Amino acid sequence: MGVGRTEFPRKVKAAAFERAKGFCEGCGAKLATGRIEYDHRVPDALGGKPTLDNCVVLCKPCHGEKTARGDVPRIAKAKRQRDRHIGAYTTKSVIPGSRKSKWKRKLDGTVVLR
């Protein structure tokens, strides 16, 4: 679909780390070397830019939590809405009696095949 994920430039990472003063901006834990994650506040897939305002410094557990509970559902919803808007979305389950159902309910209450 997209071009790919845009990473933060080295200068943005350095400025974000200075702003965080070596602590996780999620839980406040002291960040250890190799356990630092730079994440987009607004996900890249939703148009977030690789800028200092959109960069957040997190520990690995906070980054995993934010991604799993926040970013992934938001991105999936945006994709569903886009697909529905362009007519590319089809429901997996058909509601009985709906236009997409193979069954039709007549005015007298009987149900017949379409």
C-alpha atoms as a PDB file:
ATOM      1  CA  MET A   1       0.000   0.000   0.000  1.00  0.00           C
ATOM      2  CA  GLY A   2       2.258   2.811   1.240  1.00  0.00           C
ATOM      3  CA  VAL A   3       5.797   3.813   0.459  1.00  0.00           C
ATOM      4  CA  GLY A   4       7.140   2.576   3.782  1.00  0.00           C
ATOM      5  CA  ARG A   5       7.739   3.723   7.284  1.00  0.00           C
ATOM      6  CA  THR A   6       9.677   6.954   7.722  1.00  0.00           C
ATOM      7  CA  GLU A   7      12.240   6.829  10.498  1.00  0.00           C
ATOM      8  CA  PHE A   8      13.232   9.809  12.611  1.00  0.00           C
ATOM      9  CA  PRO A   9      16.420  11.624  11.571  1.00  0.00           C
ATOM     10  CA  ARG A  10      19.368  11.390  13.970  1.00  0.00           C
ATOM     11  CA  LYS A  11      18.976  15.056  14.997  1.00  0.00           C
ATOM     12  CA  VAL A  12      15.313  14.535  15.933  1.00  0.00           C
ATOM     13  CA  LYS A  13      16.183  11.464  18.028  1.00  0.00           C
ATOM     14  CA  ALA A  14      18.925  13.391  19.841  1.00  0.00           C
ATOM     15  CA  ALA A  15      16.611  16.336  20.560  1.00  0.00           C
ATOM     16  CA  ALA A  16      13.824  14.021  21.756  1.00  0.00           C
ATOM     17  CA  PHE A  17      16.227  12.197  24.098  1.00  0.00           C
ATOM     18  CA  GLU A  18      17.407  15.570  25.488  1.00  0.00           C
ATOM     19  CA  ARG A  19      13.780  16.581  26.058  1.00  0.00           C
ATOM     20  CA  ALA A  20      13.063  13.301  27.889  1.00  0.00           C
ATOM     21  CA  LYS A  21      16.235  13.693  30.017  1.00  0.00           C
ATOM     22  CA  GLY A  22      16.899   9.940  29.802  1.00  0.00           C
ATOM     23  CA  PHE A  23      13.467   8.856  31.069  1.00  0.00           C
ATOM     24  CA  CYS A  24      10.571   7.119  29.335  1.00  0.00           C
ATOM     25  CA  GLU A  25       7.897   9.643  28.377  1.00  0.00           C
ATOM     26  CA  GLY A  26       5.274   6.941  28.948  1.00  0.00           C
ATOM     27  CA  CYS A  27       5.970   5.549  32.422  1.00  0.00           C
ATOM     28  CA  GLY A  28       8.900   7.651  33.636  1.00  0.00           C
ATOM     29  CA  ALA A  29      11.357   4.743  33.948  1.00  0.00           C
ATOM     30  CA  LYS A  30      15.084   5.386  33.498  1.00  0.00           C
ATOM     31  CA  LEU A  31      16.054   4.405  29.960  1.00  0.00           C
ATOM     32  CA  ALA A  32      18.910   1.941  29.532  1.00  0.00           C
ATOM     33  CA  THR A  33      21.134   1.730  26.460  1.00  0.00           C
ATOM     34  CA  GLY A  34      19.566  -0.563  23.879  1.00  0.00           C
ATOM     35  CA  ARG A  35      16.108  -0.297  25.505  1.00  0.00           C
ATOM     36  CA  ILE A  36      15.156   3.052  23.958  1.00  0.00           C
ATOM     37  CA  GLU A  37      12.388   3.304  21.353  1.00  0.00           C
ATOM     38  CA  TYR A  38      11.459   6.369  19.307  1.00  0.00           C
ATOM     39  CA  ASP A  39       7.803   6.284  18.321  1.00  0.00           C
ATOM     40  CA  HIS A  40       5.412   8.484  16.358  1.00  0.00           C
ATOM     41  CA  ARG A  41       2.679  10.128  18.474  1.00  0.00           C
ATOM     42  CA  VAL A  42       0.507  10.155  15.347  1.00  0.00           C
ATOM     43  CA  PRO A  43       1.382   6.897  13.576  1.00  0.00           C
ATOM     44  CA  ASP A  44       3.276   7.111  10.321  1.00  0.00           C
ATOM     45  CA  ALA A  45       0.467   5.168   8.607  1.00  0.00           C
ATOM     46  CA  LEU A  46      -2.000   7.902   9.629  1.00  0.00           C
ATOM     47  CA  GLY A  47       0.129  10.715   8.245  1.00  0.00           C
ATOM     48  CA  GLY A  48       2.436  11.375  11.209  1.00  0.00           C
ATOM     49  CA  LYS A  49       5.612  13.145  10.156  1.00  0.00           C
ATOM     50  CA  PRO A  50       9.130  12.373  11.457  1.00  0.00           C
ATOM     51  CA  THR A  51       9.367  15.641  13.417  1.00  0.00           C
ATOM     52  CA  LEU A  52      10.344  16.419  17.009  1.00  0.00           C
ATOM     53  CA  ASP A  53       6.743  17.309  17.904  1.00  0.00           C
ATOM     54  CA  ASN A  54       5.606  13.883  16.704  1.00  0.00           C
ATOM     55  CA  CYS A  55       8.447  11.937  18.353  1.00  0.00           C
ATOM     56  CA  VAL A  56       8.045  10.299  21.761  1.00  0.00           C
ATOM     57  CA  VAL A  57      10.816   8.480  23.664  1.00  0.00           C
ATOM     58  CA  LEU A  58       9.585   5.236  25.221  1.00  0.00           C
ATOM     59  CA  CYS A  59      10.924   2.134  26.920  1.00  0.00           C
ATOM     60  CA  LYS A  60      10.315  -1.155  25.071  1.00  0.00           C
ATOM     61  CA  PRO A  61       7.306  -2.213  27.234  1.00  0.00           C
ATOM     62  CA  CYS A  62       5.559   1.177  26.813  1.00  0.00           C
ATOM     63  CA  HIS A  63       6.244   1.152  23.069  1.00  0.00           C
ATOM     64  CA  GLY A  64       4.759  -2.343  22.715  1.00  0.00           C
ATOM     65  CA  GLU A  65       1.707  -1.348  24.753  1.00  0.00           C
ATOM     66  CA  LYS A  66       1.118   1.861  22.767  1.00  0.00           C
ATOM     67  CA  THR A  67       1.497   0.053  19.467  1.00  0.00           C
ATOM     68  CA  ALA A  68      -0.750  -2.899  20.352  1.00  0.00           C
ATOM     69  CA  ARG A  69      -3.520  -1.011  22.145  1.00  0.00           C
ATOM     70  CA  GLY A  70      -3.426   2.317  20.361  1.00  0.00           C
ATOM     71  CA  ASP A  71      -1.783   2.425  16.958  1.00  0.00           C
ATOM     72  CA  VAL A  72      -2.782  -0.924  15.441  1.00  0.00           C
ATOM     73  CA  PRO A  73      -6.544  -0.529  16.100  1.00  0.00           C
ATOM     74  CA  ARG A  74      -6.525   3.100  14.872  1.00  0.00           C
ATOM     75  CA  ILE A  75      -4.701   2.169  11.665  1.00  0.00           C
ATOM     76  CA  ALA A  76      -7.033  -0.790  11.036  1.00  0.00           C
ATOM     77  CA  LYS A  77     -10.087   1.426  11.533  1.00  0.00           C
ATOM     78  CA  ALA A  78      -8.705   4.063   9.145  1.00  0.00           C
ATOM     79  CA  LYS A  79      -8.116   1.371   6.511  1.00  0.00           C
ATOM     80  CA  ARG A  80     -11.650   0.006   6.939  1.00  0.00           C
ATOM     81  CA  GLN A  81     -13.120   3.506   6.616  1.00  0.00           C
ATOM     82  CA  ARG A  82     -11.035   4.219   3.508  1.00  0.00           C
ATOM     83  CA  ASP A  83     -12.034   0.897   1.923  1.00  0.00           C
ATOM     84  CA  ARG A  84     -15.710   1.502   2.702  1.00  0.00           C
ATOM     85  CA  HIS A  85     -15.473   5.013   1.242  1.00  0.00           C
ATOM     86  CA  ILE A  86     -14.032   3.795  -2.073  1.00  0.00           C
ATOM     87  CA  GLY A  87     -16.413   0.838  -2.256  1.00  0.00           C
ATOM     88  CA  ALA A  88     -13.751  -1.828  -1.747  1.00  0.00           C
ATOM     89  CA  TYR A  89     -15.061  -3.056   1.608  1.00  0.00           C
ATOM     90  CA  THR A  90     -17.391  -6.016   1.855  1.00  0.00           C
ATOM     91  CA  THR A  91     -18.776  -7.430   5.070  1.00  0.00           C
ATOM     92  CA  LYS A  92     -17.753 -10.947   5.995  1.00  0.00           C
ATOM     93  CA  SER A  93     -21.087 -11.837   7.556  1.00  0.00           C
ATOM     94  CA  VAL A  94     -24.373 -11.259   5.798  1.00  0.00           C
ATOM     95  CA  ILE A  95     -27.382 -10.284   7.887  1.00  0.00           C
ATOM     96  CA  PRO A  96     -30.329 -12.561   7.148  1.00  0.00           C
ATOM     97  CA  GLY A  97     -32.993 -10.671   5.226  1.00  0.00           C
ATOM     98  CA  SER A  98     -30.593  -7.965   4.044  1.00  0.00           C
ATOM     99  CA  ARG A  99     -30.104  -7.208   0.357  1.00  0.00           C
ATOM    100  CA  LYS A 100     -26.882  -9.222   0.286  1.00  0.00           C
ATOM    101  CA  SER A 101     -28.592 -12.278   1.746  1.00  0.00           C
ATOM    102  CA  LYS A 102     -29.729 -15.075  -0.552  1.00  0.00           C
ATOM    103  CA  TRP A 103     -32.980 -15.151   1.414  1.00  0.00           C
ATOM    104  CA  LYS A 104     -35.854 -12.696   0.978  1.00  0.00           C
ATOM    105  CA  ARG A 105     -38.689 -12.034   3.441  1.00  0.00           C
ATOM    106  CA  LYS A 106     -41.995 -11.340   1.747  1.00  0.00           C
ATOM    107  CA  LEU A 107     -44.713  -9.026   3.083  1.00  0.00           C
ATOM    108  CA  ASP A 108     -46.804 -11.979   4.242  1.00  0.00           C
ATOM    109  CA  GLY A 109     -43.882 -13.134   6.460  1.00  0.00           C
ATOM    110  CA  THR A 110     -42.707 -16.062   4.365  1.00  0.00           C
ATOM    111  CA  VAL A 111     -39.026 -16.461   3.527  1.00  0.00           C
ATOM    112  CA  VAL A 112     -37.951 -17.517   0.019  1.00  0.00           C
ATOM    113  CA  LEU A 113     -34.723 -17.768  -1.955  1.00  0.00           C
ATOM    114  CA  ARG A 114     -33.976 -14.735  -4.103  1.00  0.00           C
END
